[in-house]
Amino acid sequence: MKFQIVKGKSEKQPYFWRIVASNGQTLAVSENYVQKASAKKAVESVISNAAGATIEDLA
């Protein structure tokens, strides 16, 4: 699994990140960011906080 920081087509907020599985499937996509550094900071935050995440079953 890996995080990718991508420059999309939006002119106002071109950067976003996505999580991609080892088989190439996209698992998650972020909101858009104005600056590449902001997208990178968000990735770093997810990485550092994901271990403490819980599962909430709303079904």
PDB file of N, CA and C in Angstrom:
ATOM      1  N   MET A   1       0.843  -1.162   0.000  1.00  0.00           N
ATOM      2  CA  MET A   1       0.000   0.000   0.000  1.00  0.00           C
ATOM      3  C   MET A   1       0.895   1.234   0.000  1.00  0.00           C
ATOM      4  N   LYS A   2       0.392   2.289  -0.671  1.00  0.00           N
ATOM      5  CA  LYS A   2       1.176   3.523  -0.717  1.00  0.00           C
ATOM      6  C   LYS A   2       0.249   4.724  -0.807  1.00  0.00           C
ATOM      7  N   PHE A   3       0.758   5.861  -0.409  1.00  0.00           N
ATOM      8  CA  PHE A   3       0.084   7.141  -0.579  1.00  0.00           C
ATOM      9  C   PHE A   3       0.694   7.810  -1.799  1.00  0.00           C
ATOM     10  N   GLN A   4      -0.141   8.418  -2.610  1.00  0.00           N
ATOM     11  CA  GLN A   4       0.335   9.185  -3.758  1.00  0.00           C
ATOM     12  C   GLN A   4      -0.180  10.606  -3.630  1.00  0.00           C
ATOM     13  N   ILE A   5       0.681  11.576  -3.846  1.00  0.00           N
ATOM     14  CA  ILE A   5       0.256  12.967  -3.929  1.00  0.00           C
ATOM     15  C   ILE A   5       0.154  13.289  -5.412  1.00  0.00           C
ATOM     16  N   VAL A   6      -1.017  13.788  -5.800  1.00  0.00           N
ATOM     17  CA  VAL A   6      -1.340  13.949  -7.219  1.00  0.00           C
ATOM     18  C   VAL A   6      -1.680  15.406  -7.508  1.00  0.00           C
ATOM     19  N   LYS A   7      -1.265  15.879  -8.677  1.00  0.00           N
ATOM     20  CA  LYS A   7      -1.698  17.190  -9.154  1.00  0.00           C
ATOM     21  C   LYS A   7      -2.819  16.951 -10.157  1.00  0.00           C
ATOM     22  N   GLY A   8      -4.015  17.358  -9.773  1.00  0.00           N
ATOM     23  CA  GLY A   8      -5.187  17.138 -10.614  1.00  0.00           C
ATOM     24  C   GLY A   8      -5.440  18.283 -11.574  1.00  0.00           C
ATOM     25  N   LYS A   9      -6.661  18.349 -12.073  1.00  0.00           N
ATOM     26  CA  LYS A   9      -7.021  19.321 -13.100  1.00  0.00           C
ATOM     27  C   LYS A   9      -7.549  20.641 -12.553  1.00  0.00           C
ATOM     28  N   SER A  10      -7.931  20.668 -11.282  1.00  0.00           N
ATOM     29  CA  SER A  10      -8.468  21.891 -10.696  1.00  0.00           C
ATOM     30  C   SER A  10      -7.402  22.982 -10.676  1.00  0.00           C
ATOM     31  N   GLU A  11      -7.781  24.172 -11.106  1.00  0.00           N
ATOM     32  CA  GLU A  11      -6.825  25.280 -11.099  1.00  0.00           C
ATOM     33  C   GLU A  11      -6.708  25.912  -9.719  1.00  0.00           C
ATOM     34  N   LYS A  12      -7.793  25.934  -8.944  1.00  0.00           N
ATOM     35  CA  LYS A  12      -7.789  26.588  -7.634  1.00  0.00           C
ATOM     36  C   LYS A  12      -7.232  25.696  -6.537  1.00  0.00           C
ATOM     37  N   GLN A  13      -7.518  24.410  -6.606  1.00  0.00           N
ATOM     38  CA  GLN A  13      -7.043  23.454  -5.600  1.00  0.00           C
ATOM     39  C   GLN A  13      -6.559  22.194  -6.316  1.00  0.00           C
ATOM     40  N   PRO A  14      -5.373  22.243  -6.889  1.00  0.00           N
ATOM     41  CA  PRO A  14      -4.945  21.158  -7.766  1.00  0.00           C
ATOM     42  C   PRO A  14      -4.421  19.894  -7.088  1.00  0.00           C
ATOM     43  N   TYR A  15      -4.102  19.945  -5.810  1.00  0.00           N
ATOM     44  CA  TYR A  15      -3.432  18.798  -5.185  1.00  0.00           C
ATOM     45  C   TYR A  15      -4.381  17.958  -4.343  1.00  0.00           C
ATOM     46  N   PHE A  16      -4.195  16.666  -4.405  1.00  0.00           N
ATOM     47  CA  PHE A  16      -4.916  15.738  -3.541  1.00  0.00           C
ATOM     48  C   PHE A  16      -4.047  14.517  -3.335  1.00  0.00           C
ATOM     49  N   TRP A  17      -4.450  13.669  -2.397  1.00  0.00           N
ATOM     50  CA  TRP A  17      -3.704  12.430  -2.178  1.00  0.00           C
ATOM     51  C   TRP A  17      -4.666  11.264  -2.273  1.00  0.00           C
ATOM     52  N   ARG A  18      -4.099  10.118  -2.525  1.00  0.00           N
ATOM     53  CA  ARG A  18      -4.903   8.896  -2.568  1.00  0.00           C
ATOM     54  C   ARG A  18      -4.092   7.747  -1.981  1.00  0.00           C
ATOM     55  N   ILE A  19      -4.811   6.766  -1.467  1.00  0.00           N
ATOM     56  CA  ILE A  19      -4.190   5.542  -0.974  1.00  0.00           C
ATOM     57  C   ILE A  19      -4.405   4.490  -2.045  1.00  0.00           C
ATOM     58  N   VAL A  20      -3.321   3.834  -2.446  1.00  0.00           N
ATOM     59  CA  VAL A  20      -3.374   2.834  -3.513  1.00  0.00           C
ATOM     60  C   VAL A  20      -2.863   1.500  -2.965  1.00  0.00           C
ATOM     61  N   ALA A  21      -3.650   0.443  -3.172  1.00  0.00           N
ATOM     62  CA  ALA A  21      -3.268  -0.902  -2.726  1.00  0.00           C
ATOM     63  C   ALA A  21      -2.157  -1.451  -3.612  1.00  0.00           C
ATOM     64  N   SER A  22      -1.542  -2.523  -3.141  1.00  0.00           N
ATOM     65  CA  SER A  22      -0.435  -3.124  -3.892  1.00  0.00           C
ATOM     66  C   SER A  22      -0.878  -3.658  -5.254  1.00  0.00           C
ATOM     67  N   ASN A  23      -2.186  -3.918  -5.423  1.00  0.00           N
ATOM     68  CA  ASN A  23      -2.692  -4.389  -6.720  1.00  0.00           C
ATOM     69  C   ASN A  23      -3.079  -3.237  -7.648  1.00  0.00           C
ATOM     70  N   GLY A  24      -2.846  -1.991  -7.203  1.00  0.00           N
ATOM     71  CA  GLY A  24      -3.124  -0.824  -8.031  1.00  0.00           C
ATOM     72  C   GLY A  24      -4.497  -0.210  -7.818  1.00  0.00           C
ATOM     73  N   GLN A  25      -5.330  -0.831  -7.008  1.00  0.00           N
ATOM     74  CA  GLN A  25      -6.671  -0.320  -6.768  1.00  0.00           C
ATOM     75  C   GLN A  25      -6.620   0.883  -5.824  1.00  0.00           C
ATOM     76  N   THR A  26      -7.338   1.948  -6.180  1.00  0.00           N
ATOM     77  CA  THR A  26      -7.434   3.118  -5.321  1.00  0.00           C
ATOM     78  C   THR A  26      -8.402   2.816  -4.187  1.00  0.00           C
ATOM     79  N   LEU A  27      -7.933   2.992  -2.954  1.00  0.00           N
ATOM     80  CA  LEU A  27      -8.740   2.687  -1.780  1.00  0.00           C
ATOM     81  C   LEU A  27      -9.409   3.922  -1.189  1.00  0.00           C
ATOM     82  N   ALA A  28      -8.766   5.067  -1.284  1.00  0.00           N
ATOM     83  CA  ALA A  28      -9.306   6.304  -0.728  1.00  0.00           C
ATOM     84  C   ALA A  28      -8.723   7.492  -1.458  1.00  0.00           C
ATOM     85  N   VAL A  29      -9.510   8.575  -1.521  1.00  0.00           N
ATOM     86  CA  VAL A  29      -9.081   9.813  -2.163  1.00  0.00           C
ATOM     87  C   VAL A  29      -9.416  10.955  -1.213  1.00  0.00           C
ATOM     88  N   SER A  30      -8.519  11.892  -1.075  1.00  0.00           N
ATOM     89  CA  SER A  30      -8.704  13.019  -0.162  1.00  0.00           C
ATOM     90  C   SER A  30      -9.494  14.140  -0.812  1.00  0.00           C
ATOM     91  N   GLU A  31      -9.708  15.166   0.002  1.00  0.00           N
ATOM     92  CA  GLU A  31     -10.208  16.429  -0.528  1.00  0.00           C
ATOM     93  C   GLU A  31      -9.084  17.096  -1.319  1.00  0.00           C
ATOM     94  N   ASN A  32      -9.375  18.207  -1.972  1.00  0.00           N
ATOM     95  CA  ASN A  32      -8.352  18.921  -2.727  1.00  0.00           C
ATOM     96  C   ASN A  32      -7.691  19.988  -1.862  1.00  0.00           C
ATOM     97  N   TYR A  33      -6.438  20.290  -2.184  1.00  0.00           N
ATOM     98  CA  TYR A  33      -5.635  21.261  -1.443  1.00  0.00           C
ATOM     99  C   TYR A  33      -5.055  22.291  -2.396  1.00  0.00           C
ATOM    100  N   VAL A  34      -4.886  23.503  -1.891  1.00  0.00           N
ATOM    101  CA  VAL A  34      -4.293  24.581  -2.675  1.00  0.00           C
ATOM    102  C   VAL A  34      -2.807  24.341  -2.873  1.00  0.00           C
ATOM    103  N   GLN A  35      -2.127  23.899  -1.812  1.00  0.00           N
ATOM    104  CA  GLN A  35      -0.685  23.718  -1.865  1.00  0.00           C
ATOM    105  C   GLN A  35      -0.305  22.249  -1.727  1.00  0.00           C
ATOM    106  N   LYS A  36       0.718  21.859  -2.437  1.00  0.00           N
ATOM    107  CA  LYS A  36       1.240  20.497  -2.363  1.00  0.00           C
ATOM    108  C   LYS A  36       1.688  20.173  -0.942  1.00  0.00           C
ATOM    109  N   ALA A  37       2.285  21.131  -0.264  1.00  0.00           N
ATOM    110  CA  ALA A  37       2.751  20.916   1.115  1.00  0.00           C
ATOM    111  C   ALA A  37       1.587  20.576   2.046  1.00  0.00           C
ATOM    112  N   SER A  38       0.430  21.154   1.806  1.00  0.00           N
ATOM    113  CA  SER A  38      -0.749  20.858   2.627  1.00  0.00           C
ATOM    114  C   SER A  38      -1.215  19.424   2.411  1.00  0.00           C
ATOM    115  N   ALA A  39      -1.179  18.967   1.188  1.00  0.00           N
ATOM    116  CA  ALA A  39      -1.547  17.580   0.894  1.00  0.00           C
ATOM    117  C   ALA A  39      -0.571  16.622   1.573  1.00  0.00           C
ATOM    118  N   LYS A  40       0.706  16.942   1.516  1.00  0.00           N
ATOM    119  CA  LYS A  40       1.723  16.097   2.151  1.00  0.00           C
ATOM    120  C   LYS A  40       1.544  16.071   3.658  1.00  0.00           C
ATOM    121  N   LYS A  41       1.246  17.206   4.259  1.00  0.00           N
ATOM    122  CA  LYS A  41       1.023  17.277   5.702  1.00  0.00           C
ATOM    123  C   LYS A  41      -0.187  16.430   6.100  1.00  0.00           C
ATOM    124  N   ALA A  42      -1.232  16.438   5.291  1.00  0.00           N
ATOM    125  CA  ALA A  42      -2.413  15.622   5.565  1.00  0.00           C
ATOM    126  C   ALA A  42      -2.078  14.137   5.506  1.00  0.00           C
ATOM    127  N   VAL A  43      -1.280  13.721   4.542  1.00  0.00           N
ATOM    128  CA  VAL A  43      -0.834  12.326   4.450  1.00  0.00           C
ATOM    129  C   VAL A  43      -0.073  11.941   5.712  1.00  0.00           C
ATOM    130  N   GLU A  44       0.836  12.792   6.116  1.00  0.00           N
ATOM    131  CA  GLU A  44       1.621  12.509   7.317  1.00  0.00           C
ATOM    132  C   GLU A  44       0.723  12.389   8.549  1.00  0.00           C
ATOM    133  N   SER A  45      -0.317  13.195   8.614  1.00  0.00           N
ATOM    134  CA  SER A  45      -1.256  13.131   9.728  1.00  0.00           C
ATOM    135  C   SER A  45      -2.028  11.812   9.725  1.00  0.00           C
ATOM    136  N   VAL A  46      -2.485  11.390   8.568  1.00  0.00           N
ATOM    137  CA  VAL A  46      -3.209  10.116   8.472  1.00  0.00           C
ATOM    138  C   VAL A  46      -2.297   8.967   8.886  1.00  0.00           C
ATOM    139  N   ILE A  47      -1.078   8.974   8.401  1.00  0.00           N
ATOM    140  CA  ILE A  47      -0.135   7.904   8.741  1.00  0.00           C
ATOM    141  C   ILE A  47       0.101   7.845  10.246  1.00  0.00           C
ATOM    142  N   SER A  48       0.284   8.990  10.874  1.00  0.00           N
ATOM    143  CA  SER A  48       0.599   8.985  12.303  1.00  0.00           C
ATOM    144  C   SER A  48      -0.605   8.679  13.179  1.00  0.00           C
ATOM    145  N   ASN A  49      -1.815   8.948  12.693  1.00  0.00           N
ATOM    146  CA  ASN A  49      -3.010   8.749  13.511  1.00  0.00           C
ATOM    147  C   ASN A  49      -3.819   7.501  13.171  1.00  0.00           C
ATOM    148  N   ALA A  50      -3.507   6.847  12.064  1.00  0.00           N
ATOM    149  CA  ALA A  50      -4.323   5.700  11.622  1.00  0.00           C
ATOM    150  C   ALA A  50      -4.255   4.516  12.575  1.00  0.00           C
ATOM    151  N   ALA A  51      -3.139   4.315  13.235  1.00  0.00           N
ATOM    152  CA  ALA A  51      -3.000   3.160  14.135  1.00  0.00           C
ATOM    153  C   ALA A  51      -4.005   3.212  15.272  1.00  0.00           C
ATOM    154  N   GLY A  52      -4.442   4.375  15.682  1.00  0.00           N
ATOM    155  CA  GLY A  52      -5.388   4.501  16.771  1.00  0.00           C
ATOM    156  C   GLY A  52      -6.834   4.569  16.331  1.00  0.00           C
ATOM    157  N   ALA A  53      -7.081   4.430  15.041  1.00  0.00           N
ATOM    158  CA  ALA A  53      -8.452   4.526  14.524  1.00  0.00           C
ATOM    159  C   ALA A  53      -9.295   3.317  14.942  1.00  0.00           C
ATOM    160  N   THR A  54     -10.590   3.557  15.060  1.00  0.00           N
ATOM    161  CA  THR A  54     -11.522   2.474  15.400  1.00  0.00           C
ATOM    162  C   THR A  54     -12.484   2.274  14.234  1.00  0.00           C
ATOM    163  N   ILE A  55     -13.206   1.186  14.283  1.00  0.00           N
ATOM    164  CA  ILE A  55     -14.243   0.904  13.274  1.00  0.00           C
ATOM    165  C   ILE A  55     -15.592   1.247  13.891  1.00  0.00           C
ATOM    166  N   GLU A  56     -16.366   2.052  13.208  1.00  0.00           N
ATOM    167  CA  GLU A  56     -17.700   2.413  13.664  1.00  0.00           C
ATOM    168  C   GLU A  56     -18.712   1.836  12.686  1.00  0.00           C
ATOM    169  N   ASP A  57     -19.478   0.850  13.122  1.00  0.00           N
ATOM    170  CA  ASP A  57     -20.462   0.175  12.271  1.00  0.00           C
ATOM    171  C   ASP A  57     -21.789   0.927  12.361  1.00  0.00           C
ATOM    172  N   LEU A  58     -22.170   1.586  11.299  1.00  0.00           N
ATOM    173  CA  LEU A  58     -23.396   2.363  11.280  1.00  0.00           C
ATOM    174  C   LEU A  58     -24.531   1.655  10.537  1.00  0.00           C
ATOM    175  N   ALA A  59     -24.304   0.409  10.158  1.00  0.00           N
ATOM    176  CA  ALA A  59     -25.322  -0.333   9.405  1.00  0.00           C
ATOM    177  C   ALA A  59     -26.404  -0.877  10.308  1.00  0.00           C
TER     178      ALA A  59
END
